[in-house]
Structures are given as structure tokens and as C-alpha cells.
PDB file of N, CA and C in Angstrom:
ATOM      1  N   UNK A   1     -11.099 -59.007 -94.369  1.00  0.00           N
ATOM      2  CA  UNK A   1     -11.477 -58.457 -95.671  1.00  0.00           C
ATOM      3  C   UNK A   1     -12.047 -59.503 -96.554  1.00  0.00           C
ATOM      4  N   UNK A   2     -13.002 -59.180 -97.393  1.00  0.00           N
ATOM      5  CA  UNK A   2     -13.596 -60.128 -98.264  1.00  0.00           C
ATOM      6  C   UNK A   2     -12.697 -60.660 -99.358  1.00  0.00           C
ATOM      7  N   UNK A   3     -12.885 -61.903 -99.753  1.00  0.00           N
ATOM      8  CA  UNK A   3     -12.009 -62.500-100.745  1.00  0.00           C
ATOM      9  C   UNK A   3     -12.338 -61.935-102.136  1.00  0.00           C
ATOM     10  N   UNK A   4     -13.527 -61.454-102.305  1.00  0.00           N
ATOM     11  CA  UNK A   4     -13.930 -60.912-103.623  1.00  0.00           C
ATOM     12  C   UNK A   4     -14.910 -59.778-103.430  1.00  0.00           C
ATOM     13  N   UNK A   5     -14.961 -58.878-104.400  1.00  0.00           N
ATOM     14  CA  UNK A   5     -15.904 -57.738-104.294  1.00  0.00           C
ATOM     15  C   UNK A   5     -17.215 -58.083-105.066  1.00  0.00           C
ATOM     16  N   UNK A   6     -18.239 -57.507-104.586  1.00  0.00           N
ATOM     17  CA  UNK A   6     -19.564 -57.715-105.288  1.00  0.00           C
ATOM     18  C   UNK A   6     -19.547 -56.811-106.480  1.00  0.00           C
ATOM     19  N   UNK A   7     -19.849 -57.368-107.657  1.00  0.00           N
ATOM     20  CA  UNK A   7     -19.920 -56.519-108.853  1.00  0.00           C
ATOM     21  C   UNK A   7     -21.029 -55.513-108.786  1.00  0.00           C
ATOM     22  N   UNK A   8     -20.799 -54.347-109.368  1.00  0.00           N
ATOM     23  CA  UNK A   8     -21.799 -53.228-109.411  1.00  0.00           C
ATOM     24  C   UNK A   8     -22.073 -52.959-110.915  1.00  0.00           C
ATOM     25  N   UNK A   9     -23.355 -52.766-111.218  1.00  0.00           N
ATOM     26  CA  UNK A   9     -23.792 -52.449-112.575  1.00  0.00           C
ATOM     27  C   UNK A   9     -24.700 -51.251-112.607  1.00  0.00           C
ATOM     28  N   UNK A  10     -24.779 -50.601-113.736  1.00  0.00           N
ATOM     29  CA  UNK A  10     -25.703 -49.442-113.960  1.00  0.00           C
ATOM     30  C   UNK A  10     -26.305 -49.596-115.338  1.00  0.00           C
ATOM     31  N   UNK A  11     -27.246 -48.750-115.624  1.00  0.00           N
ATOM     32  CA  UNK A  11     -27.858 -48.742-116.937  1.00  0.00           C
ATOM     33  C   UNK A  11     -27.915 -47.330-117.475  1.00  0.00           C
ATOM     34  N   UNK A  12     -26.818 -46.645-117.396  1.00  0.00           N
ATOM     35  CA  UNK A  12     -26.734 -45.278-117.936  1.00  0.00           C
ATOM     36  C   UNK A  12     -27.075 -45.281-119.402  1.00  0.00           C
ATOM     37  N   UNK A  13     -26.706 -46.262-120.201  1.00  0.00           N
ATOM     38  CA  UNK A  13     -27.040 -46.224-121.644  1.00  0.00           C
ATOM     39  C   UNK A  13     -28.548 -46.403-121.942  1.00  0.00           C
ATOM     40  N   UNK A  14     -29.302 -46.892-120.983  1.00  0.00           N
ATOM     41  CA  UNK A  14     -30.684 -47.096-121.160  1.00  0.00           C
ATOM     42  C   UNK A  14     -31.071 -48.251-122.013  1.00  0.00           C
ATOM     43  N   UNK A  15     -30.269 -49.337-121.992  1.00  0.00           N
ATOM     44  CA  UNK A  15     -30.528 -50.534-122.776  1.00  0.00           C
ATOM     45  C   UNK A  15     -31.734 -51.331-122.184  1.00  0.00           C
ATOM     46  N   UNK A  16     -32.411 -52.072-123.020  1.00  0.00           N
ATOM     47  CA  UNK A  16     -33.602 -52.815-122.510  1.00  0.00           C
ATOM     48  C   UNK A  16     -33.273 -53.903-121.521  1.00  0.00           C
ATOM     49  N   UNK A  17     -32.046 -54.437-121.583  1.00  0.00           N
ATOM     50  CA  UNK A  17     -31.597 -55.449-120.608  1.00  0.00           C
ATOM     51  C   UNK A  17     -30.089 -55.437-120.499  1.00  0.00           C
ATOM     52  N   UNK A  18     -29.601 -55.817-119.295  1.00  0.00           N
ATOM     53  CA  UNK A  18     -28.187 -55.925-119.058  1.00  0.00           C
ATOM     54  C   UNK A  18     -27.896 -57.388-118.807  1.00  0.00           C
ATOM     55  N   UNK A  19     -27.152 -58.064-119.534  1.00  0.00           N
ATOM     56  CA  UNK A  19     -26.730 -59.482-119.328  1.00  0.00           C
ATOM     57  C   UNK A  19     -25.591 -59.414-118.343  1.00  0.00           C
ATOM     58  N   UNK A  20     -25.654 -60.312-117.302  1.00  0.00           N
ATOM     59  CA  UNK A  20     -24.663 -60.300-116.237  1.00  0.00           C
ATOM     60  C   UNK A  20     -24.125 -61.735-116.045  1.00  0.00           C
ATOM     61  N   UNK A  21     -22.886 -61.855-115.599  1.00  0.00           N
ATOM     62  CA  UNK A  21     -22.281 -63.182-115.380  1.00  0.00           C
ATOM     63  C   UNK A  21     -22.320 -63.552-113.902  1.00  0.00           C
ATOM     64  N   UNK A  22     -22.997 -62.740-113.047  1.00  0.00           N
ATOM     65  CA  UNK A  22     -23.101 -63.041-111.605  1.00  0.00           C
ATOM     66  C   UNK A  22     -24.611 -63.012-111.238  1.00  0.00           C
ATOM     67  N   UNK A  23     -24.952 -63.842-110.296  1.00  0.00           N
ATOM     68  CA  UNK A  23     -26.361 -63.887-109.841  1.00  0.00           C
ATOM     69  C   UNK A  23     -26.534 -62.971-108.626  1.00  0.00           C
ATOM     70  N   UNK A  24     -25.440 -62.487-108.008  1.00  0.00           N
ATOM     71  CA  UNK A  24     -25.466 -61.576-106.898  1.00  0.00           C
ATOM     72  C   UNK A  24     -24.666 -60.368-107.267  1.00  0.00           C
ATOM     73  N   UNK A  25     -25.254 -59.146-107.138  1.00  0.00           N
ATOM     74  CA  UNK A  25     -24.587 -57.940-107.566  1.00  0.00           C
ATOM     75  C   UNK A  25     -25.307 -56.729-106.991  1.00  0.00           C
ATOM     76  N   UNK A  26     -24.744 -55.592-107.214  1.00  0.00           N
ATOM     77  CA  UNK A  26     -25.360 -54.340-106.791  1.00  0.00           C
ATOM     78  C   UNK A  26     -25.800 -53.543-107.989  1.00  0.00           C
ATOM     79  N   UNK A  27     -26.961 -52.938-107.960  1.00  0.00           N
ATOM     80  CA  UNK A  27     -27.416 -52.028-109.010  1.00  0.00           C
ATOM     81  C   UNK A  27     -27.340 -50.635-108.463  1.00  0.00           C
ATOM     82  N   UNK A  28     -26.793 -49.729-109.274  1.00  0.00           N
ATOM     83  CA  UNK A  28     -26.646 -48.341-108.915  1.00  0.00           C
ATOM     84  C   UNK A  28     -27.515 -47.424-109.769  1.00  0.00           C
ATOM     85  N   UNK A  29     -28.251 -48.017-110.735  1.00  0.00           N
ATOM     86  CA  UNK A  29     -29.167 -47.239-111.562  1.00  0.00           C
ATOM     87  C   UNK A  29     -28.443 -46.545-112.751  1.00  0.00           C
ATOM     88  N   UNK A  30     -27.986 -45.323-112.473  1.00  0.00           N
ATOM     89  CA  UNK A  30     -27.237 -44.519-113.396  1.00  0.00           C
ATOM     90  C   UNK A  30     -25.904 -44.114-112.777  1.00  0.00           C
ATOM     91  N   UNK A  31     -25.108 -43.498-113.520  1.00  0.00           N
ATOM     92  CA  UNK A  31     -23.758 -43.016-112.958  1.00  0.00           C
ATOM     93  C   UNK A  31     -23.968 -41.842-112.048  1.00  0.00           C
ATOM     94  N   UNK A  32     -23.177 -41.767-110.974  1.00  0.00           N
ATOM     95  CA  UNK A  32     -23.267 -40.649-110.077  1.00  0.00           C
ATOM     96  C   UNK A  32     -23.047 -39.315-110.870  1.00  0.00           C
ATOM     97  N   UNK A  33     -23.764 -38.276-110.519  1.00  0.00           N
ATOM     98  CA  UNK A  33     -24.528 -38.094-109.305  1.00  0.00           C
ATOM     99  C   UNK A  33     -26.047 -38.495-109.415  1.00  0.00           C
ATOM    100  N   UNK A  34     -26.372 -39.160-110.558  1.00  0.00           N
ATOM    101  CA  UNK A  34     -27.773 -39.492-110.841  1.00  0.00           C
ATOM    102  C   UNK A  34     -28.124 -40.955-110.401  1.00  0.00           C
ATOM    103  N   UNK A  35     -27.278 -41.598-109.598  1.00  0.00           N
ATOM    104  CA  UNK A  35     -27.492 -42.917-109.174  1.00  0.00           C
ATOM    105  C   UNK A  35     -28.586 -43.005-108.147  1.00  0.00           C
ATOM    106  N   UNK A  36     -29.183 -44.183-107.976  1.00  0.00           N
ATOM    107  CA  UNK A  36     -30.189 -44.446-106.944  1.00  0.00           C
ATOM    108  C   UNK A  36     -29.431 -45.126-105.763  1.00  0.00           C
ATOM    109  N   UNK A  37     -30.091 -45.370-104.633  1.00  0.00           N
ATOM    110  CA  UNK A  37     -29.424 -46.118-103.568  1.00  0.00           C
ATOM    111  C   UNK A  37     -28.886 -47.442-104.135  1.00  0.00           C
ATOM    112  N   UNK A  38     -27.686 -47.727-103.860  1.00  0.00           N
ATOM    113  CA  UNK A  38     -26.960 -48.929-104.316  1.00  0.00           C
ATOM    114  C   UNK A  38     -27.577 -50.127-103.604  1.00  0.00           C
ATOM    115  N   UNK A  39     -28.285 -50.940-104.334  1.00  0.00           N
ATOM    116  CA  UNK A  39     -29.016 -52.092-103.704  1.00  0.00           C
ATOM    117  C   UNK A  39     -28.415 -53.408-104.165  1.00  0.00           C
ATOM    118  N   UNK A  40     -28.458 -54.352-103.234  1.00  0.00           N
ATOM    119  CA  UNK A  40     -27.998 -55.699-103.502  1.00  0.00           C
ATOM    120  C   UNK A  40     -29.120 -56.522-104.188  1.00  0.00           C
ATOM    121  N   UNK A  41     -28.839 -57.149-105.258  1.00  0.00           N
ATOM    122  CA  UNK A  41     -29.815 -58.035-105.928  1.00  0.00           C
ATOM    123  C   UNK A  41     -29.248 -59.464-105.938  1.00  0.00           C
ATOM    124  N   UNK A  42     -30.076 -60.400-105.458  1.00  0.00           N
ATOM    125  CA  UNK A  42     -29.708 -61.790-105.460  1.00  0.00           C
ATOM    126  C   UNK A  42     -30.757 -62.524-106.303  1.00  0.00           C
ATOM    127  N   UNK A  43     -30.369 -63.023-107.449  1.00  0.00           N
ATOM    128  CA  UNK A  43     -31.246 -63.718-108.361  1.00  0.00           C
ATOM    129  C   UNK A  43     -31.649 -65.130-107.835  1.00  0.00           C
ATOM    130  N   UNK A  44     -30.896 -65.641-106.905  1.00  0.00           N
ATOM    131  CA  UNK A  44     -31.122 -67.035-106.482  1.00  0.00           C
ATOM    132  C   UNK A  44     -30.982 -67.956-107.626  1.00  0.00           C
ATOM    133  N   UNK A  45     -31.988 -68.809-107.927  1.00  0.00           N
ATOM    134  CA  UNK A  45     -31.947 -69.761-108.994  1.00  0.00           C
ATOM    135  C   UNK A  45     -32.573 -69.172-110.295  1.00  0.00           C
ATOM    136  N   UNK A  46     -33.157 -67.967-110.140  1.00  0.00           N
ATOM    137  CA  UNK A  46     -33.728 -67.320-111.332  1.00  0.00           C
ATOM    138  C   UNK A  46     -32.707 -66.873-112.340  1.00  0.00           C
ATOM    139  N   UNK A  47     -33.132 -66.664-113.555  1.00  0.00           N
ATOM    140  CA  UNK A  47     -32.271 -66.153-114.657  1.00  0.00           C
ATOM    141  C   UNK A  47     -32.468 -64.692-114.920  1.00  0.00           C
ATOM    142  N   UNK A  48     -33.467 -64.077-114.253  1.00  0.00           N
ATOM    143  CA  UNK A  48     -33.756 -62.675-114.472  1.00  0.00           C
ATOM    144  C   UNK A  48     -34.138 -61.991-113.152  1.00  0.00           C
ATOM    145  N   UNK A  49     -33.782 -60.670-113.073  1.00  0.00           N
ATOM    146  CA  UNK A  49     -34.252 -59.874-111.923  1.00  0.00           C
ATOM    147  C   UNK A  49     -34.446 -58.459-112.417  1.00  0.00           C
ATOM    148  N   UNK A  50     -35.384 -57.795-111.823  1.00  0.00           N
ATOM    149  CA  UNK A  50     -35.645 -56.378-112.167  1.00  0.00           C
ATOM    150  C   UNK A  50     -35.346 -55.493-110.921  1.00  0.00           C
ATOM    151  N   UNK A  51     -34.567 -54.502-111.135  1.00  0.00           N
ATOM    152  CA  UNK A  51     -34.251 -53.542-110.042  1.00  0.00           C
ATOM    153  C   UNK A  51     -35.528 -52.821-109.680  1.00  0.00           C
ATOM    154  N   UNK A  52     -35.851 -52.814-108.375  1.00  0.00           N
ATOM    155  CA  UNK A  52     -37.084 -52.132-107.886  1.00  0.00           C
ATOM    156  C   UNK A  52     -37.020 -50.606-108.007  1.00  0.00           C
ATOM    157  N   UNK A  53     -35.796 -50.053-108.098  1.00  0.00           N
ATOM    158  CA  UNK A  53     -35.639 -48.597-108.209  1.00  0.00           C
ATOM    159  C   UNK A  53     -35.712 -48.088-109.641  1.00  0.00           C
ATOM    160  N   UNK A  54     -34.930 -48.717-110.552  1.00  0.00           N
ATOM    161  CA  UNK A  54     -34.759 -48.171-111.881  1.00  0.00           C
ATOM    162  C   UNK A  54     -35.410 -49.065-112.936  1.00  0.00           C
ATOM    163  N   UNK A  55     -35.926 -50.192-112.546  1.00  0.00           N
ATOM    164  CA  UNK A  55     -36.621 -51.117-113.441  1.00  0.00           C
ATOM    165  C   UNK A  55     -35.678 -51.754-114.527  1.00  0.00           C
ATOM    166  N   UNK A  56     -34.347 -51.693-114.293  1.00  0.00           N
ATOM    167  CA  UNK A  56     -33.478 -52.339-115.211  1.00  0.00           C
ATOM    168  C   UNK A  56     -33.654 -53.897-115.119  1.00  0.00           C
ATOM    169  N   UNK A  57     -33.758 -54.534-116.289  1.00  0.00           N
ATOM    170  CA  UNK A  57     -33.880 -55.985-116.352  1.00  0.00           C
ATOM    171  C   UNK A  57     -32.481 -56.545-116.458  1.00  0.00           C
ATOM    172  N   UNK A  58     -32.111 -57.356-115.473  1.00  0.00           N
ATOM    173  CA  UNK A  58     -30.792 -58.031-115.474  1.00  0.00           C
ATOM    174  C   UNK A  58     -31.127 -59.503-115.831  1.00  0.00           C
ATOM    175  N   UNK A  59     -30.311 -59.994-116.768  1.00  0.00           N
ATOM    176  CA  UNK A  59     -30.458 -61.367-117.196  1.00  0.00           C
ATOM    177  C   UNK A  59     -29.139 -62.130-117.009  1.00  0.00           C
ATOM    178  N   UNK A  60     -29.188 -63.225-116.306  1.00  0.00           N
ATOM    179  CA  UNK A  60     -27.980 -64.030-116.000  1.00  0.00           C
ATOM    180  C   UNK A  60     -27.593 -64.790-117.285  1.00  0.00           C
ATOM    181  N   UNK A  61     -26.315 -64.709-117.625  1.00  0.00           N
ATOM    182  CA  UNK A  61     -25.784 -65.441-118.771  1.00  0.00           C
ATOM    183  C   UNK A  61     -24.367 -65.997-118.410  1.00  0.00           C
ATOM    184  N   UNK A  62     -24.364 -67.287-118.138  1.00  0.00           N
ATOM    185  CA  UNK A  62     -23.113 -67.947-117.743  1.00  0.00           C
ATOM    186  C   UNK A  62     -22.063 -67.959-118.812  1.00  0.00           C
ATOM    187  N   UNK A  63     -22.490 -67.757-120.033  1.00  0.00           N
ATOM    188  CA  UNK A  63     -21.489 -67.819-121.183  1.00  0.00           C
ATOM    189  C   UNK A  63     -20.723 -66.530-121.395  1.00  0.00           C
ATOM    190  N   UNK A  64     -21.058 -65.469-120.671  1.00  0.00           N
ATOM    191  CA  UNK A  64     -20.380 -64.192-120.875  1.00  0.00           C
ATOM    192  C   UNK A  64     -18.881 -64.347-120.515  1.00  0.00           C
ATOM    193  N   UNK A  65     -18.052 -63.708-121.258  1.00  0.00           N
ATOM    194  CA  UNK A  65     -16.573 -63.747-120.986  1.00  0.00           C
ATOM    195  C   UNK A  65     -16.194 -62.597-120.014  1.00  0.00           C
ATOM    196  N   UNK A  66     -17.019 -61.605-119.879  1.00  0.00           N
ATOM    197  CA  UNK A  66     -16.739 -60.452-118.971  1.00  0.00           C
ATOM    198  C   UNK A  66     -17.865 -60.375-117.964  1.00  0.00           C
ATOM    199  N   UNK A  67     -17.866 -59.326-117.121  1.00  0.00           N
ATOM    200  CA  UNK A  67     -18.887 -59.197-116.111  1.00  0.00           C
ATOM    201  C   UNK A  67     -20.251 -58.920-116.630  1.00  0.00           C
ATOM    202  N   UNK A  68     -20.369 -58.170-117.745  1.00  0.00           N
ATOM    203  CA  UNK A  68     -21.692 -57.871-118.274  1.00  0.00           C
ATOM    204  C   UNK A  68     -21.642 -57.466-119.738  1.00  0.00           C
ATOM    205  N   UNK A  69     -22.827 -57.432-120.337  1.00  0.00           N
ATOM    206  CA  UNK A  69     -22.971 -57.016-121.701  1.00  0.00           C
ATOM    207  C   UNK A  69     -24.183 -56.083-121.724  1.00  0.00           C
ATOM    208  N   UNK A  70     -24.088 -54.853-122.138  1.00  0.00           N
ATOM    209  CA  UNK A  70     -22.937 -54.201-122.683  1.00  0.00           C
ATOM    210  C   UNK A  70     -21.856 -53.930-121.613  1.00  0.00           C
ATOM    211  N   UNK A  71     -20.563 -53.996-121.970  1.00  0.00           N
ATOM    212  CA  UNK A  71     -19.502 -53.896-121.005  1.00  0.00           C
ATOM    213  C   UNK A  71     -19.463 -52.507-120.325  1.00  0.00           C
ATOM    214  N   UNK A  72     -20.004 -51.494-120.919  1.00  0.00           N
ATOM    215  CA  UNK A  72     -19.997 -50.134-120.331  1.00  0.00           C
ATOM    216  C   UNK A  72     -20.903 -50.002-119.153  1.00  0.00           C
ATOM    217  N   UNK A  73     -21.686 -51.060-118.869  1.00  0.00           N
ATOM    218  CA  UNK A  73     -22.629 -51.015-117.685  1.00  0.00           C
ATOM    219  C   UNK A  73     -21.950 -51.488-116.385  1.00  0.00           C
ATOM    220  N   UNK A  74     -20.640 -51.773-116.423  1.00  0.00           N
ATOM    221  CA  UNK A  74     -19.932 -52.100-115.171  1.00  0.00           C
ATOM    222  C   UNK A  74     -19.656 -50.791-114.496  1.00  0.00           C
ATOM    223  N   UNK A  75     -19.862 -50.768-113.161  1.00  0.00           N
ATOM    224  CA  UNK A  75     -19.575 -49.617-112.322  1.00  0.00           C
ATOM    225  C   UNK A  75     -18.526 -50.023-111.352  1.00  0.00           C
ATOM    226  N   UNK A  76     -17.484 -49.161-111.215  1.00  0.00           N
ATOM    227  CA  UNK A  76     -16.358 -49.363-110.300  1.00  0.00           C
ATOM    228  C   UNK A  76     -16.470 -48.347-109.157  1.00  0.00           C
ATOM    229  N   UNK A  77     -17.064 -48.674-108.012  1.00  0.00           N
ATOM    230  CA  UNK A  77     -17.178 -47.711-106.945  1.00  0.00           C
ATOM    231  C   UNK A  77     -15.779 -47.229-106.406  1.00  0.00           C
ATOM    232  N   UNK A  78     -14.775 -48.038-106.540  1.00  0.00           N
ATOM    233  CA  UNK A  78     -13.439 -47.610-106.088  1.00  0.00           C
ATOM    234  C   UNK A  78     -12.957 -46.449-106.912  1.00  0.00           C
ATOM    235  N   UNK A  79     -13.073 -46.476-108.231  1.00  0.00           N
ATOM    236  CA  UNK A  79     -12.535 -45.413-109.052  1.00  0.00           C
ATOM    237  C   UNK A  79     -13.383 -44.151-108.905  1.00  0.00           C
ATOM    238  N   UNK A  80     -14.695 -44.287-108.611  1.00  0.00           N
ATOM    239  CA  UNK A  80     -15.569 -43.109-108.424  1.00  0.00           C
ATOM    240  C   UNK A  80     -15.182 -42.402-107.121  1.00  0.00           C
ATOM    241  N   UNK A  81     -14.977 -43.157-106.015  1.00  0.00           N
ATOM    242  CA  UNK A  81     -14.675 -42.522-104.766  1.00  0.00           C
ATOM    243  C   UNK A  81     -13.276 -41.897-104.786  1.00  0.00           C
ATOM    244  N   UNK A  82     -12.361 -42.524-105.569  1.00  0.00           N
ATOM    245  CA  UNK A  82     -11.016 -41.930-105.675  1.00  0.00           C
ATOM    246  C   UNK A  82     -10.976 -40.661-106.477  1.00  0.00           C
ATOM    247  N   UNK A  83     -11.944 -40.544-107.416  1.00  0.00           N
ATOM    248  CA  UNK A  83     -11.970 -39.320-108.213  1.00  0.00           C
ATOM    249  C   UNK A  83     -12.701 -38.180-107.527  1.00  0.00           C
ATOM    250  N   UNK A  84     -13.475 -38.491-106.496  1.00  0.00           N
ATOM    251  CA  UNK A  84     -14.237 -37.447-105.762  1.00  0.00           C
ATOM    252  C   UNK A  84     -13.354 -36.647-104.838  1.00  0.00           C
TER     253      UNK A  84
END
């Protein structure tokens, strides 16, 4: 079993950019059932990445205290599958 889970983010609010504290994550686009295929994004050394499905701009910010800003853009696949 993995030591940590890959963070998942969405842009349901439609904000111009989502600031994230991880350079590797999954983008789901919007909340289910309107999500796109959950894709892995690896920024590498870059500070920005654009999702090829939904065009969300993700910006790396090491100073964030939580996983992302705005905080409502965190997606928890565990709670979604448990609710289904």
C-alpha cells in the first residue's frame, strides 16, 4: 500500500487558477457526475500546469498551509465512492 495518497483537485467553482501545494496531483475537472477522466499531472520543476481536459490553470505555491486555494477545490475520491 502506498505511504501517501495523490491529492485530487477540481475546479467546480470556475476560478481562474487553483493554487496547489503539490507538484504531482490528479485533476478531475468538476465534481461527479460532471467530472472528466481523472488525470495525473506532474509539474516537474515548473510552477504552472494546465489540465488538457478542462483547461484549469494550476499554480504551485509552497507557502500554502493547506492542499489548495481555494480550499473547496480539494476532491476526496474516498468520500465520493463511499457515498455512491
